[in-house]
Amino acid sequence: TPASKAVISPKMTGKGSEKVRVWWPPTTNRKKTDVSGMYWPAKVISYLSATKVYVEYDNKEKEQVSKSKVVPFNAPVQHGKETVALTPGEFCEVHNDSARDPAEWVACVKSV
C-alpha cells in the first residue's frame, strides 16, 4: 500500500534537508484529480513531531504532512522488474522515467 510506513530519517524534530516524495491519495475532487494518486518530490524542511514533518515541494509550495505519507526520494520499487504478469484489476506503480520532473503514480490495470 502506498506509503504504508514512513521510511525517512529517524530524527523526530529539528532541521531537515532530506529529499523525499509525499503521497497524495486519489480523489474525486475535479480540481485535484490531475495531481492526486502520485508521489510528489519534496524536501523535508523540518521535523515537527513524531508524526508530522514540514516539506517544500519541487514547485516551492510548502505544507505540513503526516510522516505516514512520506517515502524515500528514490523509487521504493524497481519499475519494470515484476516477476509475475500483471492482471486486470490489480494495482501497480507507474514511473515516468523523467530526469527533469520524476513522478510515480499508483494505477489500476485495465487490460493486459
N, C-alpha and C. Protein backbone atom coordinates (compact mmCIF):
# COMPACT_ATOMS: atom_id res chain seq x y z
N THR A 1 0.84 -1.18 0.00
CA THR A 1 0.00 0.00 0.00
C THR A 1 0.88 1.24 0.00
N PRO A 2 0.50 2.28 -0.70
CA PRO A 2 1.33 3.47 -0.79
C PRO A 2 1.63 4.07 0.57
N ALA A 3 2.89 4.30 0.77
CA ALA A 3 3.35 4.99 1.98
C ALA A 3 2.77 4.41 3.26
N SER A 4 2.65 3.08 3.30
CA SER A 4 2.07 2.47 4.48
C SER A 4 2.94 2.65 5.71
N LYS A 5 4.25 2.80 5.50
CA LYS A 5 5.16 3.06 6.62
C LYS A 5 6.09 4.17 6.21
N ALA A 6 6.30 5.11 7.08
CA ALA A 6 7.23 6.19 6.80
C ALA A 6 8.64 5.63 6.79
N VAL A 7 9.42 5.98 5.78
CA VAL A 7 10.79 5.50 5.69
C VAL A 7 11.69 6.71 5.52
N ILE A 8 11.71 7.58 6.53
CA ILE A 8 12.55 8.76 6.49
C ILE A 8 13.45 8.75 7.70
N SER A 9 14.25 9.77 7.81
CA SER A 9 15.22 9.88 8.89
C SER A 9 14.59 9.59 10.25
N PRO A 10 15.31 8.91 11.13
CA PRO A 10 14.77 8.64 12.46
C PRO A 10 14.67 9.88 13.33
N LYS A 11 15.25 11.02 12.89
CA LYS A 11 15.13 12.25 13.68
C LYS A 11 13.66 12.59 13.87
N MET A 12 13.30 13.05 15.04
CA MET A 12 11.91 13.37 15.32
C MET A 12 11.63 14.86 15.26
N THR A 13 12.61 15.69 15.51
CA THR A 13 12.42 17.14 15.46
C THR A 13 13.69 17.78 14.94
N GLY A 14 13.62 19.05 14.60
CA GLY A 14 14.80 19.77 14.17
C GLY A 14 14.76 20.11 12.69
N LYS A 15 15.89 20.56 12.19
CA LYS A 15 16.02 20.94 10.78
C LYS A 15 16.20 19.71 9.93
N GLY A 16 15.78 19.80 8.69
CA GLY A 16 15.95 18.70 7.75
C GLY A 16 16.36 19.24 6.40
N SER A 17 16.79 18.39 5.52
CA SER A 17 17.09 18.76 4.14
C SER A 17 16.98 17.53 3.26
N GLU A 18 16.37 16.50 3.78
CA GLU A 18 16.26 15.22 3.12
C GLU A 18 15.29 15.26 1.94
N LYS A 19 15.73 14.75 0.77
CA LYS A 19 14.86 14.67 -0.39
C LYS A 19 13.93 13.47 -0.20
N VAL A 20 12.65 13.68 -0.40
CA VAL A 20 11.65 12.64 -0.20
C VAL A 20 10.57 12.76 -1.28
N ARG A 21 9.58 11.89 -1.19
CA ARG A 21 8.36 12.00 -2.00
C ARG A 21 7.19 11.94 -1.04
N VAL A 22 6.15 12.70 -1.35
CA VAL A 22 4.97 12.76 -0.50
C VAL A 22 3.78 12.20 -1.28
N TRP A 23 3.09 11.25 -0.67
CA TRP A 23 1.94 10.59 -1.29
C TRP A 23 0.70 11.47 -1.22
N TRP A 24 0.12 11.74 -2.36
CA TRP A 24 -1.17 12.44 -2.46
C TRP A 24 -2.18 11.41 -2.92
N PRO A 25 -3.10 10.99 -2.07
CA PRO A 25 -4.05 9.92 -2.44
C PRO A 25 -4.99 10.34 -3.56
N PRO A 26 -5.53 9.36 -4.30
CA PRO A 26 -6.50 9.66 -5.35
C PRO A 26 -7.71 10.38 -4.76
N THR A 27 -8.35 11.18 -5.57
CA THR A 27 -9.52 11.93 -5.13
C THR A 27 -10.54 12.04 -6.26
N THR A 28 -11.77 12.29 -5.90
CA THR A 28 -12.80 12.56 -6.91
C THR A 28 -13.00 14.07 -7.08
N ASN A 29 -12.25 14.88 -6.32
CA ASN A 29 -12.31 16.33 -6.44
C ASN A 29 -11.74 16.71 -7.81
N ARG A 30 -12.57 17.23 -8.70
CA ARG A 30 -12.14 17.52 -10.07
C ARG A 30 -10.98 18.51 -10.14
N LYS A 31 -10.85 19.38 -9.16
CA LYS A 31 -9.76 20.35 -9.15
C LYS A 31 -8.42 19.71 -8.78
N LYS A 32 -8.46 18.51 -8.20
CA LYS A 32 -7.23 17.88 -7.73
C LYS A 32 -6.92 16.54 -8.40
N THR A 33 -7.78 16.04 -9.28
CA THR A 33 -7.55 14.71 -9.84
C THR A 33 -6.28 14.62 -10.67
N ASP A 34 -5.85 15.71 -11.31
CA ASP A 34 -4.64 15.67 -12.12
C ASP A 34 -3.37 15.57 -11.29
N VAL A 35 -3.45 15.89 -10.02
CA VAL A 35 -2.25 15.88 -9.17
C VAL A 35 -2.37 14.86 -8.03
N SER A 36 -3.39 14.02 -8.07
CA SER A 36 -3.57 13.05 -7.00
C SER A 36 -3.17 11.66 -7.46
N GLY A 37 -3.07 10.77 -6.49
CA GLY A 37 -2.68 9.39 -6.80
C GLY A 37 -1.24 9.29 -7.24
N MET A 38 -0.39 10.18 -6.69
CA MET A 38 1.02 10.12 -7.07
C MET A 38 1.92 10.56 -5.92
N TYR A 39 3.19 10.24 -6.06
CA TYR A 39 4.21 10.66 -5.11
C TYR A 39 4.87 11.92 -5.65
N TRP A 40 4.82 13.02 -4.88
CA TRP A 40 5.38 14.29 -5.32
C TRP A 40 6.76 14.52 -4.71
N PRO A 41 7.76 14.95 -5.52
CA PRO A 41 9.09 15.25 -4.99
C PRO A 41 9.03 16.40 -4.00
N ALA A 42 9.76 16.27 -2.91
CA ALA A 42 9.78 17.32 -1.88
C ALA A 42 11.08 17.23 -1.09
N LYS A 43 11.28 18.22 -0.23
CA LYS A 43 12.42 18.25 0.67
C LYS A 43 11.87 18.49 2.07
N VAL A 44 12.34 17.71 3.04
CA VAL A 44 11.93 17.93 4.43
C VAL A 44 12.60 19.20 4.91
N ILE A 45 11.79 20.17 5.34
CA ILE A 45 12.31 21.42 5.87
C ILE A 45 12.58 21.27 7.36
N SER A 46 11.64 20.63 8.07
CA SER A 46 11.84 20.39 9.50
C SER A 46 10.96 19.23 9.96
N TYR A 47 11.43 18.62 11.04
CA TYR A 47 10.69 17.54 11.68
C TYR A 47 9.92 18.19 12.83
N LEU A 48 8.59 18.18 12.73
CA LEU A 48 7.76 18.90 13.69
C LEU A 48 7.43 18.08 14.92
N SER A 49 7.22 16.78 14.73
CA SER A 49 6.85 15.91 15.85
C SER A 49 7.11 14.47 15.44
N ALA A 50 6.67 13.56 16.26
CA ALA A 50 6.83 12.13 15.95
C ALA A 50 5.98 11.72 14.75
N THR A 51 4.98 12.53 14.40
CA THR A 51 4.06 12.15 13.32
C THR A 51 3.97 13.16 12.18
N LYS A 52 4.60 14.33 12.31
CA LYS A 52 4.46 15.40 11.31
C LYS A 52 5.81 15.95 10.85
N VAL A 53 5.88 16.29 9.56
CA VAL A 53 7.04 16.98 9.01
C VAL A 53 6.55 18.16 8.18
N TYR A 54 7.43 19.14 7.99
CA TYR A 54 7.13 20.29 7.14
C TYR A 54 7.97 20.12 5.89
N VAL A 55 7.33 20.12 4.71
CA VAL A 55 8.03 19.86 3.46
C VAL A 55 7.89 21.03 2.49
N GLU A 56 8.85 21.10 1.57
CA GLU A 56 8.79 22.04 0.45
C GLU A 56 8.82 21.20 -0.82
N TYR A 57 7.77 21.34 -1.64
CA TYR A 57 7.69 20.59 -2.90
C TYR A 57 8.62 21.20 -3.94
N ASP A 58 8.84 20.47 -5.03
CA ASP A 58 9.74 20.97 -6.07
C ASP A 58 9.21 22.23 -6.76
N ASN A 59 7.92 22.55 -6.57
CA ASN A 59 7.37 23.79 -7.13
C ASN A 59 7.42 24.94 -6.11
N LYS A 60 8.14 24.71 -4.99
CA LYS A 60 8.36 25.68 -3.91
C LYS A 60 7.18 25.86 -2.96
N GLU A 61 6.07 25.15 -3.16
CA GLU A 61 4.97 25.19 -2.19
C GLU A 61 5.40 24.42 -0.95
N LYS A 62 4.91 24.86 0.22
CA LYS A 62 5.27 24.23 1.49
C LYS A 62 4.02 23.81 2.23
N GLU A 63 4.12 22.70 2.98
CA GLU A 63 3.00 22.29 3.83
C GLU A 63 3.45 21.30 4.88
N GLN A 64 2.63 21.17 5.90
CA GLN A 64 2.83 20.19 6.96
C GLN A 64 2.14 18.91 6.52
N VAL A 65 2.83 17.76 6.63
CA VAL A 65 2.24 16.48 6.23
C VAL A 65 2.53 15.42 7.28
N SER A 66 1.74 14.38 7.26
CA SER A 66 1.94 13.24 8.13
C SER A 66 3.15 12.44 7.65
N LYS A 67 3.98 11.98 8.57
CA LYS A 67 5.13 11.15 8.20
C LYS A 67 4.68 9.88 7.48
N SER A 68 3.46 9.43 7.71
CA SER A 68 2.98 8.21 7.06
C SER A 68 2.81 8.40 5.56
N LYS A 69 2.82 9.65 5.08
CA LYS A 69 2.67 9.94 3.65
C LYS A 69 4.02 10.15 2.96
N VAL A 70 5.13 10.05 3.73
CA VAL A 70 6.46 10.36 3.20
C VAL A 70 7.24 9.08 2.96
N VAL A 71 7.86 9.00 1.77
CA VAL A 71 8.70 7.86 1.40
C VAL A 71 10.03 8.38 0.87
N PRO A 72 11.06 7.52 0.77
CA PRO A 72 12.35 7.98 0.23
C PRO A 72 12.19 8.58 -1.16
N PHE A 73 13.10 9.47 -1.53
CA PHE A 73 13.04 10.12 -2.85
C PHE A 73 13.16 9.11 -3.97
N ASN A 74 14.13 8.19 -3.86
CA ASN A 74 14.30 7.17 -4.89
C ASN A 74 13.13 6.20 -4.84
N ALA A 75 12.68 5.78 -5.99
CA ALA A 75 11.51 4.90 -6.08
C ALA A 75 11.69 3.69 -5.16
N PRO A 76 10.66 3.39 -4.34
CA PRO A 76 10.76 2.27 -3.42
C PRO A 76 10.59 0.91 -4.09
N VAL A 77 10.37 0.91 -5.40
CA VAL A 77 10.21 -0.34 -6.15
C VAL A 77 11.08 -0.27 -7.40
N GLN A 78 11.34 -1.43 -7.97
CA GLN A 78 12.08 -1.47 -9.23
C GLN A 78 11.07 -1.58 -10.35
N HIS A 79 10.79 -0.45 -10.99
CA HIS A 79 9.80 -0.43 -12.06
C HIS A 79 10.22 -1.32 -13.21
N GLY A 80 9.27 -2.11 -13.71
CA GLY A 80 9.55 -3.00 -14.83
C GLY A 80 10.23 -4.29 -14.43
N LYS A 81 10.36 -4.55 -13.16
CA LYS A 81 11.05 -5.75 -12.68
C LYS A 81 10.08 -6.77 -12.09
N GLU A 82 8.81 -6.70 -12.51
CA GLU A 82 7.82 -7.65 -11.99
C GLU A 82 8.20 -9.08 -12.38
N THR A 83 8.00 -9.99 -11.46
CA THR A 83 8.31 -11.40 -11.74
C THR A 83 7.06 -12.18 -12.10
N VAL A 84 5.89 -11.57 -11.87
CA VAL A 84 4.61 -12.20 -12.19
C VAL A 84 3.84 -11.23 -13.07
N ALA A 85 3.18 -11.75 -14.10
CA ALA A 85 2.43 -10.88 -15.01
C ALA A 85 1.33 -10.12 -14.27
N LEU A 86 1.11 -8.87 -14.67
CA LEU A 86 0.03 -8.08 -14.10
C LEU A 86 -1.30 -8.59 -14.62
N THR A 87 -2.35 -8.44 -13.81
CA THR A 87 -3.68 -8.89 -14.20
C THR A 87 -4.67 -7.73 -14.10
N PRO A 88 -5.72 -7.72 -14.93
CA PRO A 88 -6.73 -6.66 -14.84
C PRO A 88 -7.29 -6.55 -13.42
N GLY A 89 -7.46 -5.31 -12.96
CA GLY A 89 -7.96 -5.06 -11.62
C GLY A 89 -6.88 -4.91 -10.57
N GLU A 90 -5.66 -5.32 -10.91
CA GLU A 90 -4.53 -5.22 -9.97
C GLU A 90 -3.97 -3.80 -9.97
N PHE A 91 -3.49 -3.35 -8.81
CA PHE A 91 -2.84 -2.05 -8.72
C PHE A 91 -1.34 -2.20 -8.93
N CYS A 92 -0.73 -1.21 -9.56
CA CYS A 92 0.70 -1.24 -9.81
C CYS A 92 1.26 0.18 -9.75
N GLU A 93 2.58 0.28 -9.68
CA GLU A 93 3.25 1.58 -9.70
C GLU A 93 3.65 1.89 -11.13
N VAL A 94 3.54 3.16 -11.51
CA VAL A 94 3.94 3.61 -12.83
C VAL A 94 4.90 4.77 -12.64
N HIS A 95 6.01 4.75 -13.36
CA HIS A 95 7.04 5.80 -13.24
C HIS A 95 7.24 6.42 -14.62
N ASN A 96 7.38 7.75 -14.69
CA ASN A 96 7.55 8.41 -15.98
C ASN A 96 9.00 8.43 -16.46
N ASP A 97 9.95 8.00 -15.66
CA ASP A 97 11.36 7.88 -16.02
C ASP A 97 11.96 9.21 -16.48
N SER A 98 11.45 10.32 -15.96
CA SER A 98 11.94 11.63 -16.34
C SER A 98 13.05 12.07 -15.39
N ALA A 99 14.18 12.51 -15.94
CA ALA A 99 15.27 13.02 -15.10
C ALA A 99 14.94 14.43 -14.60
N ARG A 100 14.19 15.21 -15.38
CA ARG A 100 13.89 16.60 -15.03
C ARG A 100 12.73 16.72 -14.05
N ASP A 101 11.68 15.92 -14.22
CA ASP A 101 10.50 16.02 -13.36
C ASP A 101 9.97 14.61 -13.05
N PRO A 102 10.73 13.83 -12.26
CA PRO A 102 10.32 12.45 -12.00
C PRO A 102 9.03 12.36 -11.21
N ALA A 103 8.22 11.39 -11.56
CA ALA A 103 6.94 11.19 -10.87
C ALA A 103 6.58 9.72 -10.87
N GLU A 104 5.86 9.33 -9.82
CA GLU A 104 5.32 7.98 -9.73
C GLU A 104 3.85 8.05 -9.43
N TRP A 105 3.09 7.14 -10.00
CA TRP A 105 1.66 7.06 -9.76
C TRP A 105 1.31 5.63 -9.36
N VAL A 106 0.18 5.48 -8.73
CA VAL A 106 -0.39 4.16 -8.49
C VAL A 106 -1.55 4.06 -9.48
N ALA A 107 -1.59 2.96 -10.21
CA ALA A 107 -2.62 2.79 -11.25
C ALA A 107 -3.28 1.44 -11.11
N CYS A 108 -4.45 1.33 -11.70
CA CYS A 108 -5.17 0.05 -11.75
C CYS A 108 -5.08 -0.47 -13.18
N VAL A 109 -4.66 -1.73 -13.33
CA VAL A 109 -4.53 -2.33 -14.65
C VAL A 109 -5.91 -2.55 -15.24
N LYS A 110 -6.16 -1.98 -16.43
CA LYS A 110 -7.45 -2.12 -17.09
C LYS A 110 -7.48 -3.37 -17.96
N SER A 111 -6.42 -3.56 -18.75
CA SER A 111 -6.33 -4.77 -19.59
C SER A 111 -4.88 -5.08 -19.83
N VAL A 112 -4.62 -6.33 -20.21
CA VAL A 112 -3.25 -6.78 -20.48
C VAL A 112 -3.14 -7.17 -21.92
